[in-house]
C-alpha atoms as a PDB file:
ATOM      1  CA  MET A   1     236.847  65.521 105.836  1.00  0.00           C
ATOM      2  CA  ALA A   2     233.719  67.620 105.886  1.00  0.00           C
ATOM      3  CA  ARG A   3     233.518  70.679 103.687  1.00  0.00           C
ATOM      4  CA  GLY A   4     232.579  73.951 105.299  1.00  0.00           C
ATOM      5  CA  ALA A   5     229.373  74.009 103.264  1.00  0.00           C
ATOM      6  CA  GLU A   6     228.236  71.031 105.320  1.00  0.00           C
ATOM      7  CA  ILE A   7     228.753  72.871 108.603  1.00  0.00           C
ATOM      8  CA  ARG A   8     226.023  75.365 109.254  1.00  0.00           C
ATOM      9  CA  ASN A   9     224.908  75.103 112.874  1.00  0.00           C
ATOM     10  CA  ILE A  10     227.739  75.920 115.254  1.00  0.00           C
ATOM     11  CA  ASP A  11     225.587  75.536 118.357  1.00  0.00           C
ATOM     12  CA  GLN A  12     224.481  72.063 117.311  1.00  0.00           C
ATOM     13  CA  ALA A  13     228.090  71.082 116.578  1.00  0.00           C
ATOM     14  CA  ARG A  14     229.145  72.260 120.012  1.00  0.00           C
ATOM     15  CA  ARG A  15     226.350  70.268 121.646  1.00  0.00           C
ATOM     16  CA  ASP A  16     227.368  67.178 119.690  1.00  0.00           C
ATOM     17  CA  THR A  17     230.988  67.689 120.743  1.00  0.00           C
ATOM     18  CA  ALA A  18     229.976  68.057 124.382  1.00  0.00           C
ATOM     19  CA  ARG A  19     228.093  64.750 124.216  1.00  0.00           C
ATOM     20  CA  ARG A  20     230.901  62.885 122.475  1.00  0.00           C
ATOM     21  CA  PRO A  21     232.833  61.742 125.591  1.00  0.00           C
ATOM     22  CA  ALA A  22     229.721  60.050 126.926  1.00  0.00           C
ATOM     23  CA  ASN A  23     228.979  58.323 123.628  1.00  0.00           C
ATOM     24  CA  ARG A  24     232.391  56.971 122.657  1.00  0.00           C
ATOM     25  CA  ALA A  25     232.319  53.384 121.488  1.00  0.00           C
ATOM     26  CA  ARG A  26     233.501  50.983 124.163  1.00  0.00           C
ATOM     27  CA  ARG A  27     235.541  47.856 123.597  1.00  0.00           C
ATOM     28  CA  ALA A  28     234.706  44.589 125.242  1.00  0.00           C
ATOM     29  CA  ASP A  29     237.167  45.310 128.057  1.00  0.00           C
ATOM     30  CA  GLY A  30     235.358  48.558 128.897  1.00  0.00           C
ATOM     31  CA  ALA A  31     238.043  50.959 127.613  1.00  0.00           C
ATOM     32  CA  ALA A  32     237.279  53.642 125.035  1.00  0.00           C
ATOM     33  CA  ASP A  33     238.787  53.343 121.541  1.00  0.00           C
ATOM     34  CA  SER A  34     241.192  56.229 122.264  1.00  0.00           C
ATOM     35  CA  ASP A  35     242.279  54.792 125.635  1.00  0.00           C
ATOM     36  CA  CYS A  36     245.389  52.714 126.242  1.00  0.00           C
ATOM     37  CA  PRO A  37     244.493  48.972 126.272  1.00  0.00           C
ATOM     38  CA  ARG A  38     247.042  48.402 129.049  1.00  0.00           C
ATOM     39  CA  CYS A  39     246.311  51.106 131.601  1.00  0.00           C
ATOM     40  CA  ALA A  40     243.222  52.923 130.174  1.00  0.00           C
ATOM     41  CA  ALA A  41     245.097  56.256 130.069  1.00  0.00           C
ATOM     42  CA  ARG A  42     244.635  58.556 127.066  1.00  0.00           C
ATOM     43  CA  LEU A  43     246.603  57.797 123.897  1.00  0.00           C
ATOM     44  CA  LEU A  44     248.347  60.755 122.217  1.00  0.00           C
ATOM     45  CA  PHE A  45     249.133  61.048 118.492  1.00  0.00           C
ATOM     46  CA  ASP A  46     252.650  62.262 117.600  1.00  0.00           C
ATOM     47  CA  GLY A  47     252.163  62.415 113.817  1.00  0.00           C
ATOM     48  CA  ASP A  48     253.103  58.776 113.254  1.00  0.00           C
ATOM     49  CA  LYS A  49     251.563  56.638 115.989  1.00  0.00           C
ATOM     50  CA  LEU A  50     249.346  56.644 119.032  1.00  0.00           C
ATOM     51  CA  SER A  51     251.276  56.213 122.264  1.00  0.00           C
ATOM     52  CA  CYS A  52     250.564  56.214 125.979  1.00  0.00           C
ATOM     53  CA  LEU A  53     252.623  58.540 128.170  1.00  0.00           C
ATOM     54  CA  MET A  54     251.759  56.508 131.291  1.00  0.00           C
ATOM     55  CA  CYS A  55     252.972  53.009 130.383  1.00  0.00           C
ATOM     56  CA  GLY A  56     254.733  53.496 127.015  1.00  0.00           C
ATOM     57  CA  TYR A  57     252.312  51.442 124.916  1.00  0.00           C
ATOM     58  CA  GLU A  58     252.491  52.266 121.182  1.00  0.00           C
ATOM     59  CA  HIS A  59     249.830  51.680 118.560  1.00  0.00           C
ATOM     60  CA  ALA A  60     251.144  52.498 115.080  1.00  0.00           C
ATOM     61  CA  ALA A  61     248.134  51.505 112.997  1.00  0.00           C
ATOM     62  CA  ARG A  62     246.050  54.245 111.415  1.00  0.00           C
ATOM     63  CA  PRO A  63     242.531  53.975 110.052  1.00  0.00           C
ATOM     64  CA  ARG A  64     242.357  52.928 106.402  1.00  0.00           C
ATOM     65  CA  GLY A  65     242.824  55.825 104.001  1.00  0.00           C
ATOM     66  CA  MET A  66     244.261  58.128 106.664  1.00  0.00           C
ATOM     67  CA  ARG A  67     247.564  59.951 106.205  1.00  0.00           C
ATOM     68  CA  SER A  68     249.927  60.857 108.999  1.00  0.00           C
ATOM     69  CA  ALA A  69     250.557  64.504 109.752  1.00  0.00           C
ATOM     70  CA  GLY A  70     254.024  64.174 108.258  1.00  0.00           C
ATOM     71  CA  ASP A  71     252.637  62.613 105.065  1.00  0.00           C
ATOM     72  CA  LEU A  72     250.179  65.466 104.585  1.00  0.00           C
ATOM     73  CA  LEU A  73     252.780  68.166 105.113  1.00  0.00           C
ATOM     74  CA  ASP A  74     255.263  66.449 102.817  1.00  0.00           C
ATOM     75  CA  ALA A  75     252.636  66.177 100.059  1.00  0.00           C
ATOM     76  CA  LEU A  76     251.597  69.842 100.029  1.00  0.00           C
ATOM     77  CA  PRO A  77     254.681  71.554  98.443  1.00  0.00           C
ATOM     78  CA  PRO A  78     255.015  68.928  95.649  1.00  0.00           C
ATOM     79  CA  LEU A  79     251.337  69.386  94.795  1.00  0.00           C
ATOM     80  CA  ARG A  80     251.865  73.142  94.487  1.00  0.00           C
ATOM     81  CA  ALA A  81     254.967  72.672  92.345  1.00  0.00           C
ATOM     82  CA  ASP A  82     253.193  70.227  90.035  1.00  0.00           C
ATOM     83  CA  LEU A  83     250.107  72.401  89.564  1.00  0.00           C
ATOM     84  CA  ILE A  84     251.951  75.686  89.015  1.00  0.00           C
ATOM     85  CA  GLY A  85     254.149  73.793  86.553  1.00  0.00           C
ATOM     86  CA  HIS A  86     251.086  73.220  84.378  1.00  0.00           C
ATOM     87  CA  ALA A  87     250.321  76.942  84.454  1.00  0.00           C
ATOM     88  CA  ASP A  88     253.941  77.898  83.704  1.00  0.00           C
ATOM     89  CA  SER A  89     254.132  75.536  80.738  1.00  0.00           C
ATOM     90  CA  LEU A  90     251.400  77.497  78.958  1.00  0.00           C
ATOM     91  CA  GLY A  91     253.462  80.677  78.672  1.00  0.00           C
ATOM     92  CA  ALA A  92     252.050  84.197  78.578  1.00  0.00           C
ATOM     93  CA  GLN A  93     249.479  83.746  75.798  1.00  0.00           C
ATOM     94  CA  PRO A  94     246.470  81.395  75.632  1.00  0.00           C
ATOM     95  CA  GLU A  95     246.827  78.409  73.336  1.00  0.00           C
ATOM     96  CA  ARG A  96     245.187  78.580  69.928  1.00  0.00           C
ATOM     97  CA  GLY A  97     241.606  77.386  70.236  1.00  0.00           C
ATOM     98  CA  SER A  98     241.452  77.888  74.010  1.00  0.00           C
ATOM     99  CA  PRO A  99     238.683  79.978  75.601  1.00  0.00           C
ATOM    100  CA  GLY A 100     241.197  82.746  76.245  1.00  0.00           C
ATOM    101  CA  HIS A 101     242.384  82.753  72.658  1.00  0.00           C
ATOM    102  CA  LEU A 102     238.835  82.909  71.332  1.00  0.00           C
ATOM    103  CA  GLU A 103     237.960  85.798  73.641  1.00  0.00           C
ATOM    104  CA  LEU A 104     241.059  87.798  72.714  1.00  0.00           C
ATOM    105  CA  ARG A 105     240.541  87.163  68.998  1.00  0.00           C
ATOM    106  CA  SER A 106     237.134  88.853  69.041  1.00  0.00           C
ATOM    107  CA  ALA A 107     237.884  91.504  71.696  1.00  0.00           C
ATOM    108  CA  SER A 108     238.074  95.238  71.165  1.00  0.00           C
ATOM    109  CA  GLU A 109     241.310  96.993  72.059  1.00  0.00           C
ATOM    110  CA  VAL A 110     239.949  98.027  75.466  1.00  0.00           C
ATOM    111  CA  GLU A 111     238.693  94.506  76.177  1.00  0.00           C
ATOM    112  CA  ALA A 112     241.931  92.887  75.006  1.00  0.00           C
ATOM    113  CA  ASN A 113     244.056  95.080  77.271  1.00  0.00           C
ATOM    114  CA  ALA A 114     241.829  94.237  80.218  1.00  0.00           C
ATOM    115  CA  LEU A 115     241.865  90.510  79.458  1.00  0.00           C
ATOM    116  CA  GLN A 116     245.652  90.456  79.227  1.00  0.00           C
ATOM    117  CA  TYR A 117     245.909  92.183  82.586  1.00  0.00           C
ATOM    118  CA  GLY A 118     243.352  89.781  84.069  1.00  0.00           C
ATOM    119  CA  ARG A 119     245.438  86.795  83.023  1.00  0.00           C
ATOM    120  CA  LEU A 120     248.578  88.330  84.491  1.00  0.00           C
ATOM    121  CA  TYR A 121     246.850  89.205  87.749  1.00  0.00           C
ATOM    122  CA  ALA A 122     245.291  85.737  88.056  1.00  0.00           C
ATOM    123  CA  TYR A 123     248.702  84.149  87.514  1.00  0.00           C
ATOM    124  CA  GLN A 124     250.195  86.337  90.242  1.00  0.00           C
ATOM    125  CA  CYS A 125     247.394  85.173  92.542  1.00  0.00           C
ATOM    126  CA  LEU A 126     248.496  81.585  91.865  1.00  0.00           C
ATOM    127  CA  ILE A 127     252.079  82.478  92.783  1.00  0.00           C
ATOM    128  CA  SER A 128     250.933  84.182  95.979  1.00  0.00           C
ATOM    129  CA  SER A 129     248.590  81.404  97.096  1.00  0.00           C
ATOM    130  CA  GLY A 130     251.175  78.778  96.155  1.00  0.00           C
ATOM    131  CA  HIS A 131     253.713  80.449  98.433  1.00  0.00           C
ATOM    132  CA  GLY A 132     250.998  80.344 101.084  1.00  0.00           C
ATOM    133  CA  LEU A 133     250.795  76.562 100.717  1.00  0.00           C
ATOM    134  CA  ILE A 134     254.519  76.269 101.352  1.00  0.00           C
ATOM    135  CA  ALA A 135     254.248  78.570 104.374  1.00  0.00           C
ATOM    136  CA  LEU A 136     251.313  76.527 105.685  1.00  0.00           C
ATOM    137  CA  ALA A 137     253.261  73.280 105.399  1.00  0.00           C
ATOM    138  CA  ARG A 138     256.181  74.815 107.284  1.00  0.00           C
ATOM    139  CA  GLY A 139     253.966  76.491 109.868  1.00  0.00           C
ATOM    140  CA  LEU A 140     252.102  73.287 110.675  1.00  0.00           C
ATOM    141  CA  GLU A 141     255.302  71.509 111.651  1.00  0.00           C
ATOM    142  CA  PRO A 142     255.339  70.976 115.444  1.00  0.00           C
ATOM    143  CA  PRO A 143     255.060  73.017 117.538  1.00  0.00           C
ATOM    144  CA  THR A 144     252.210  74.498 115.523  1.00  0.00           C
ATOM    145  CA  PRO A 145     251.308  78.205 115.970  1.00  0.00           C
ATOM    146  CA  GLU A 146     247.551  77.721 115.701  1.00  0.00           C
ATOM    147  CA  TYR A 147     246.514  81.315 115.099  1.00  0.00           C
ATOM    148  CA  GLY A 148     249.195  81.795 112.472  1.00  0.00           C
ATOM    149  CA  THR A 149     248.354  78.755 110.357  1.00  0.00           C
ATOM    150  CA  TRP A 150     244.654  79.638 110.165  1.00  0.00           C
ATOM    151  CA  SER A 151     245.616  83.125 108.991  1.00  0.00           C
ATOM    152  CA  ILE A 152     247.756  81.600 106.233  1.00  0.00           C
ATOM    153  CA  ALA A 153     244.802  79.475 105.160  1.00  0.00           C
ATOM    154  CA  ARG A 154     242.678  82.615 104.892  1.00  0.00           C
ATOM    155  CA  THR A 155     245.228  84.346 102.643  1.00  0.00           C
ATOM    156  CA  ILE A 156     245.272  81.277 100.377  1.00  0.00           C
ATOM    157  CA  LEU A 157     241.491  81.465 100.173  1.00  0.00           C
ATOM    158  CA  ASP A 158     241.625  85.196  99.325  1.00  0.00           C
ATOM    159  CA  SER A 159     244.105  84.789  96.480  1.00  0.00           C
ATOM    160  CA  SER A 160     242.551  81.609  95.084  1.00  0.00           C
ATOM    161  CA  SER A 161     239.043  83.059  95.086  1.00  0.00           C
ATOM    162  CA  LEU A 162     240.240  86.189  93.274  1.00  0.00           C
ATOM    163  CA  ALA A 163     241.868  84.168  90.486  1.00  0.00           C
ATOM    164  CA  SER A 164     238.764  81.986  90.256  1.00  0.00           C
ATOM    165  CA  TRP A 165     236.538  85.065  90.028  1.00  0.00           C
ATOM    166  CA  ILE A 166     238.554  86.691  87.245  1.00  0.00           C
ATOM    167  CA  LEU A 167     238.712  83.511  85.152  1.00  0.00           C
ATOM    168  CA  GLU A 168     235.356  82.011  86.084  1.00  0.00           C
ATOM    169  CA  ALA A 169     234.035  79.788  83.318  1.00  0.00           C
ATOM    170  CA  ASP A 170     230.849  80.507  81.371  1.00  0.00           C
ATOM    171  CA  ILE A 171     230.863  84.295  81.634  1.00  0.00           C
ATOM    172  CA  SER A 172     230.951  86.577  78.603  1.00  0.00           C
ATOM    173  CA  ARG A 173     234.104  88.158  77.210  1.00  0.00           C
ATOM    174  CA  ARG A 174     232.810  91.601  78.145  1.00  0.00           C
ATOM    175  CA  GLU A 175     232.018  90.512  81.706  1.00  0.00           C
ATOM    176  CA  ARG A 176     235.540  89.096  82.135  1.00  0.00           C
ATOM    177  CA  ALA A 177     237.033  92.330  80.796  1.00  0.00           C
ATOM    178  CA  ARG A 178     234.922  94.321  83.275  1.00  0.00           C
ATOM    179  CA  ARG A 179     236.145  92.139  86.129  1.00  0.00           C
ATOM    180  CA  ALA A 180     239.760  92.522  85.038  1.00  0.00           C
ATOM    181  CA  LEU A 181     239.365  96.302  84.848  1.00  0.00           C
ATOM    182  CA  ALA A 182     237.824  96.370  88.322  1.00  0.00           C
ATOM    183  CA  VAL A 183     240.789  94.418  89.707  1.00  0.00           C
ATOM    184  CA  GLN A 184     243.257  96.690  87.920  1.00  0.00           C
ATOM    185  CA  LEU A 185     241.610  99.833  89.297  1.00  0.00           C
ATOM    186  CA  ALA A 186     241.596  98.407  92.824  1.00  0.00           C
ATOM    187  CA  ASP A 187     245.262  97.462  92.479  1.00  0.00           C
ATOM    188  CA  LEU A 188     246.133 100.936  91.215  1.00  0.00           C
ATOM    189  CA  GLU A 189     244.289 102.542  94.123  1.00  0.00           C
ATOM    190  CA  ALA A 190     246.279 100.388  96.536  1.00  0.00           C
ATOM    191  CA  GLU A 191     249.559 101.406  94.890  1.00  0.00           C
ATOM    192  CA  HIS A 192     248.501 105.060  94.996  1.00  0.00           C
ATOM    193  CA  CYS A 193     247.793 104.841  98.736  1.00  0.00           C
ATOM    194  CA  PHE A 194     251.131 103.117  99.307  1.00  0.00           C
ATOM    195  CA  LEU A 195     253.132 105.754  97.429  1.00  0.00           C
ATOM    196  CA  THR A 196     251.239 108.603  99.116  1.00  0.00           C
ATOM    197  CA  ALA A 197     251.985 107.189 102.559  1.00  0.00           C
ATOM    198  CA  LEU A 198     255.617 106.544 101.610  1.00  0.00           C
ATOM    199  CA  LEU A 199     256.199 110.124 100.461  1.00  0.00           C
ATOM    200  CA  ALA A 200     254.435 111.494 103.549  1.00  0.00           C
ATOM    201  CA  HIS A 201     256.812 109.630 105.847  1.00  0.00           C
ATOM    202  CA  ARG A 202     259.988 109.969 103.769  1.00  0.00           C
ATOM    203  CA  PRO A 203     259.795 113.367 102.032  1.00  0.00           C
ATOM    204  CA  ASP A 204     263.526 114.077 102.196  1.00  0.00           C
ATOM    205  CA  GLU A 205     264.848 110.755 100.923  1.00  0.00           C
ATOM    206  CA  GLU A 206     267.160 110.820  97.892  1.00  0.00           C
ATOM    207  CA  ASP A 207     264.744 108.728  95.862  1.00  0.00           C
ATOM    208  CA  ALA A 208     261.679 110.823  96.775  1.00  0.00           C
ATOM    209  CA  ASP A 209     261.538 112.376  93.295  1.00  0.00           C
ATOM    210  CA  GLY A 210     261.375 108.947  91.722  1.00  0.00           C
ATOM    211  CA  PHE A 211     258.472 107.919  93.953  1.00  0.00           C
ATOM    212  CA  ALA A 212     256.730 111.214  93.184  1.00  0.00           C
ATOM    213  CA  ASP A 213     256.992 110.430  89.471  1.00  0.00           C
ATOM    214  CA  LEU A 214     255.495 107.006  90.105  1.00  0.00           C
ATOM    215  CA  LEU A 215     252.652 108.606  92.024  1.00  0.00           C
ATOM    216  CA  ALA A 216     251.944 110.973  89.125  1.00  0.00           C
ATOM    217  CA  GLY A 217     251.977 108.001  86.784  1.00  0.00           C
ATOM    218  CA  THR A 218     249.352 106.165  88.848  1.00  0.00           C
ATOM    219  CA  ARG A 219     247.077 109.213  88.659  1.00  0.00           C
ATOM    220  CA  ALA A 220     247.369 109.359  84.873  1.00  0.00           C
ATOM    221  CA  ARG A 221     246.864 105.611  84.525  1.00  0.00           C
ATOM    222  CA  ARG A 222     243.792 105.802  86.767  1.00  0.00           C
ATOM    223  CA  GLN A 223     242.153 108.278  84.431  1.00  0.00           C
ATOM    224  CA  GLU A 224     242.767 105.970  81.473  1.00  0.00           C
ATOM    225  CA  LEU A 225     241.250 103.025  83.317  1.00  0.00           C
ATOM    226  CA  LEU A 226     238.236 105.036  84.421  1.00  0.00           C
ATOM    227  CA  SER A 227     237.570 105.902  80.783  1.00  0.00           C
ATOM    228  CA  ALA A 228     237.850 102.246  79.765  1.00  0.00           C
ATOM    229  CA  SER A 229     235.627 101.238  82.665  1.00  0.00           C
ATOM    230  CA  ALA A 230     232.987 103.739  81.591  1.00  0.00           C
ATOM    231  CA  GLU A 231     233.062 102.238  78.090  1.00  0.00           C
ATOM    232  CA  LEU A 232     232.623  98.636  79.303  1.00  0.00           C
ATOM    233  CA  GLY A 233     230.510  99.336  82.377  1.00  0.00           C
ATOM    234  CA  ALA A 234     231.939 100.035  85.802  1.00  0.00           C
ATOM    235  CA  MET A 235     231.891  97.394  88.532  1.00  0.00           C
ATOM    236  CA  ALA A 236     233.578  96.749  91.859  1.00  0.00           C
ATOM    237  CA  VAL A 237     235.600  93.735  92.978  1.00  0.00           C
ATOM    238  CA  PRO A 238     233.415  91.624  95.296  1.00  0.00           C
ATOM    239  CA  GLU A 239     234.389  91.410  98.941  1.00  0.00           C
ATOM    240  CA  PRO A 240     236.491  88.348  99.822  1.00  0.00           C
ATOM    241  CA  VAL A 241     233.608  86.711 101.674  1.00  0.00           C
ATOM    242  CA  GLU A 242     231.475  87.009  98.521  1.00  0.00           C
ATOM    243  CA  ARG A 243     234.229  85.555  96.318  1.00  0.00           C
ATOM    244  CA  ALA A 244     234.557  82.643  98.743  1.00  0.00           C
ATOM    245  CA  GLN A 245     231.162  81.459  97.492  1.00  0.00           C
ATOM    246  CA  LEU A 246     232.845  80.412  94.236  1.00  0.00           C
ATOM    247  CA  LEU A 247     234.839  77.893  96.256  1.00  0.00           C
ATOM    248  CA  SER A 248     231.936  76.913  98.557  1.00  0.00           C
ATOM    249  CA  ALA A 249     233.987  78.363 101.389  1.00  0.00           C
ATOM    250  CA  GLU A 250     231.788  81.049 102.951  1.00  0.00           C
ATOM    251  CA  PHE A 251     231.909  79.361 106.331  1.00  0.00           C
ATOM    252  CA  GLU A 252     235.668  78.853 106.201  1.00  0.00           C
ATOM    253  CA  TYR A 253     236.200  82.513 105.365  1.00  0.00           C
ATOM    254  CA  VAL A 254     234.249  83.651 108.423  1.00  0.00           C
ATOM    255  CA  MET A 255     235.957  81.066 110.613  1.00  0.00           C
ATOM    256  CA  CYS A 256     239.479  81.910 109.438  1.00  0.00           C
ATOM    257  CA  GLY A 257     238.777  85.633 109.639  1.00  0.00           C
ATOM    258  CA  SER A 258     237.650  85.375 113.258  1.00  0.00           C
ATOM    259  CA  ILE A 259     240.752  83.383 114.161  1.00  0.00           C
ATOM    260  CA  LEU A 260     242.915  85.872 112.251  1.00  0.00           C
ATOM    261  CA  GLU A 261     241.579  88.592 114.566  1.00  0.00           C
ATOM    262  CA  GLY A 262     242.911  86.618 117.516  1.00  0.00           C
ATOM    263  CA  ARG A 263     239.546  85.645 118.972  1.00  0.00           C
ATOM    264  CA  PRO A 264     240.011  82.691 121.375  1.00  0.00           C
ATOM    265  CA  TRP A 265     236.341  81.695 121.026  1.00  0.00           C
ATOM    266  CA  ALA A 266     236.846  81.329 117.256  1.00  0.00           C
ATOM    267  CA  LEU A 267     239.770  78.966 117.739  1.00  0.00           C
ATOM    268  CA  LEU A 268     237.752  77.004 120.281  1.00  0.00           C
ATOM    269  CA  HIS A 269     234.744  76.675 117.979  1.00  0.00           C
ATOM    270  CA  ALA A 270     236.924  75.690 115.008  1.00  0.00           C
ATOM    271  CA  THR A 271     238.605  72.978 117.051  1.00  0.00           C
ATOM    272  CA  SER A 272     235.293  71.686 118.403  1.00  0.00           C
ATOM    273  CA  ILE A 273     233.600  71.615 115.010  1.00  0.00           C
ATOM    274  CA  GLN A 274     236.382  70.203 112.875  1.00  0.00           C
ATOM    275  CA  SER A 275     237.478  67.537 115.343  1.00  0.00           C
ATOM    276  CA  GLY A 276     234.064  65.945 115.086  1.00  0.00           C
ATOM    277  CA  TYR A 277     234.602  64.966 111.441  1.00  0.00           C
ATOM    278  CA  GLU A 278     237.805  62.947 111.669  1.00  0.00           C
ATOM    279  CA  THR A 279     238.286  59.431 113.023  1.00  0.00           C
ATOM    280  CA  ASP A 280     241.623  60.558 114.452  1.00  0.00           C
ATOM    281  CA  ARG A 281     240.614  63.741 116.225  1.00  0.00           C
ATOM    282  CA  VAL A 282     244.182  64.636 117.194  1.00  0.00           C
ATOM    283  CA  ARG A 283     245.187  65.366 113.590  1.00  0.00           C
ATOM    284  CA  SER A 284     241.855  66.668 112.298  1.00  0.00           C
ATOM    285  CA  ILE A 285     242.745  70.381 112.522  1.00  0.00           C
ATOM    286  CA  LEU A 286     245.964  69.932 110.572  1.00  0.00           C
ATOM    287  CA  ALA A 287     244.203  67.824 107.948  1.00  0.00           C
ATOM    288  CA  THR A 288     241.423  70.387 107.619  1.00  0.00           C
ATOM    289  CA  GLN A 289     243.799  73.280 106.951  1.00  0.00           C
ATOM    290  CA  VAL A 290     245.939  71.289 104.508  1.00  0.00           C
ATOM    291  CA  GLN A 291     243.080  69.736 102.564  1.00  0.00           C
ATOM    292  CA  LEU A 292     240.923  72.846 102.310  1.00  0.00           C
ATOM    293  CA  SER A 293     243.840  75.065 101.272  1.00  0.00           C
ATOM    294  CA  ALA A 294     244.952  72.553  98.649  1.00  0.00           C
ATOM    295  CA  SER A 295     241.388  72.359  97.296  1.00  0.00           C
ATOM    296  CA  TRP A 296     241.105  76.143  96.993  1.00  0.00           C
ATOM    297  CA  TYR A 297     244.447  76.344  95.211  1.00  0.00           C
ATOM    298  CA  ALA A 298     243.580  73.472  92.872  1.00  0.00           C
ATOM    299  CA  THR A 299     240.314  75.173  91.886  1.00  0.00           C
ATOM    300  CA  ALA A 300     242.157  78.398  91.041  1.00  0.00           C
ATOM    301  CA  VAL A 301     244.762  76.563  88.949  1.00  0.00           C
ATOM    302  CA  TRP A 302     241.971  74.720  87.131  1.00  0.00           C
ATOM    303  CA  ALA A 303     240.269  78.030  86.290  1.00  0.00           C
ATOM    304  CA  TYR A 304     243.536  79.445  84.939  1.00  0.00           C
ATOM    305  CA  VAL A 305     244.500  76.416  82.849  1.00  0.00           C
ATOM    306  CA  SER A 306     240.926  76.014  81.568  1.00  0.00           C
ATOM    307  CA  TRP A 307     241.011  79.555  80.169  1.00  0.00           C
ATOM    308  CA  MET A 308     244.545  79.322  78.794  1.00  0.00           C
ATOM    309  CA  SER A 309     244.598  75.828  77.327  1.00  0.00           C
ATOM    310  CA  ARG A 310     242.724  73.588  74.932  1.00  0.00           C
ATOM    311  CA  GLU A 311     244.849  70.461  75.333  1.00  0.00           C
ATOM    312  CA  SER A 312     246.412  70.435  78.818  1.00  0.00           C
ATOM    313  CA  LEU A 313     243.405  69.585  80.979  1.00  0.00           C
ATOM    314  CA  PRO A 314     243.863  65.763  80.882  1.00  0.00           C
ATOM    315  CA  GLU A 315     247.428  66.131  82.204  1.00  0.00           C
ATOM    316  CA  LEU A 316     246.235  68.512  84.892  1.00  0.00           C
ATOM    317  CA  GLN A 317     243.524  66.040  85.857  1.00  0.00           C
ATOM    318  CA  SER A 318     246.153  63.344  86.347  1.00  0.00           C
ATOM    319  CA  SER A 319     248.168  65.643  88.593  1.00  0.00           C
ATOM    320  CA  LEU A 320     245.073  66.533  90.595  1.00  0.00           C
ATOM    321  CA  GLU A 321     244.108  62.884  91.049  1.00  0.00           C
ATOM    322  CA  PHE A 322     247.576  61.996  92.294  1.00  0.00           C
ATOM    323  CA  GLY A 323     247.786  65.068  94.522  1.00  0.00           C
ATOM    324  CA  TYR A 324     244.368  64.528  96.072  1.00  0.00           C
ATOM    325  CA  ASP A 325     245.279  60.880  96.737  1.00  0.00           C
ATOM    326  CA  SER A 326     248.468  61.964  98.487  1.00  0.00           C
ATOM    327  CA  LEU A 327     246.477  64.356 100.697  1.00  0.00           C
ATOM    328  CA  GLY A 328     243.798  61.797 101.561  1.00  0.00           C
ATOM    329  CA  LEU A 329     240.974  63.821 100.028  1.00  0.00           C
ATOM    330  CA  PRO A 330     237.682  62.022  99.321  1.00  0.00           C
ATOM    331  CA  ASP A 331     237.530  59.934  96.173  1.00  0.00           C
ATOM    332  CA  ASP A 332     234.237  61.286  94.865  1.00  0.00           C
ATOM    333  CA  ALA A 333     232.989  63.797  92.317  1.00  0.00           C
ATOM    334  CA  GLU A 334     231.985  66.315  94.984  1.00  0.00           C
ATOM    335  CA  ALA A 335     235.573  66.765  96.181  1.00  0.00           C
ATOM    336  CA  ARG A 336     237.229  66.041  92.822  1.00  0.00           C
ATOM    337  CA  PHE A 337     235.355  68.692  90.878  1.00  0.00           C
ATOM    338  CA  TRP A 338     237.114  68.045  87.562  1.00  0.00           C
ATOM    339  CA  ARG A 339     235.315  64.693  87.265  1.00  0.00           C
ATOM    340  CA  ARG A 340     231.890  66.276  87.124  1.00  0.00           C
ATOM    341  CA  PRO A 341     230.424  66.967  83.664  1.00  0.00           C
ATOM    342  CA  ARG A 342     230.517  70.610  82.690  1.00  0.00           C
ATOM    343  CA  GLU A 343     226.755  71.043  82.922  1.00  0.00           C
ATOM    344  CA  VAL A 344     226.788  69.678  86.477  1.00  0.00           C
ATOM    345  CA  ARG A 345     229.446  72.204  87.464  1.00  0.00           C
ATOM    346  CA  GLN A 346     227.332  74.973  85.928  1.00  0.00           C
ATOM    347  CA  GLN A 347     224.263  73.871  87.907  1.00  0.00           C
ATOM    348  CA  ALA A 348     226.248  73.721  91.145  1.00  0.00           C
ATOM    349  CA  ARG A 349     227.603  77.208  90.543  1.00  0.00           C
ATOM    350  CA  ALA A 350     224.121  78.566  89.785  1.00  0.00           C
ATOM    351  CA  ALA A 351     222.682  76.958  92.915  1.00  0.00           C
ATOM    352  CA  SER A 352     225.339  78.607  95.086  1.00  0.00           C
END
């Protein structure tokens, strides 16, 4: 599967796709590889085998290393459960000697409060994106609602990139505290807007006084956070498309966002581009959504566990290796980022 970072020229991809029917490899009998050997009609893939609707011929073999659609969907929820299990096992406080523990040990009170909130918010992002993986697996079951599954993939990217940004490796304690404060302020603003709209539409409800108290509390809390932000240095949460750079997913963000808006041309381009990178073009779109979403989630879990733990990374690596094998992801250091030496990961991040 090709990463989005490798896809940069949509027009060229479309031209290549348009030429593909004329360039398909031909067998000795003159039929194309995706044609029925009996009647030369098109073979269709049902998730398990290629079959011909004209004469009933079935061809069950798949290219080496490929997974059926059913295999991919079945592997996604267990991968999520295994990875979030590593995060859950660490509890609410970083292990002694972990990067998180060392940062908290030397933090001021303002920094420590921000760092604790950052950890909590990052963990909630893992819960949210993990639920997205389950929804994606269910949504991709036939018949697949194409627009809907791409929108789920985009939400997974949003949540995963936010957790990765908060707990990005190799930033200073103060910088991480500033990021956590920025996220907390943005979250408080969102809650304030929600409560304001709620009271405007339901002013006479029995529980209106309770919501009004909550609204007053958000105002007071906002003032406290603004003071802390002024002490550490104010900053804003990057836009989702900027955070996607951490996951080398700028292209995917734009693509998913366009599909999320219901643009038929975006769905057409996505299908044309992605289908050119799979031997079995019928299942390439499903594989792309599953594999990319799993990669984004895995990167976010890695960031969380790396900050929280000193000893658990080897076990997490084993889970990632098994999970990536089950999803048919490439067996190389580019896809399996945890194999790369730390300095190589730092260089790749700097280059992006």
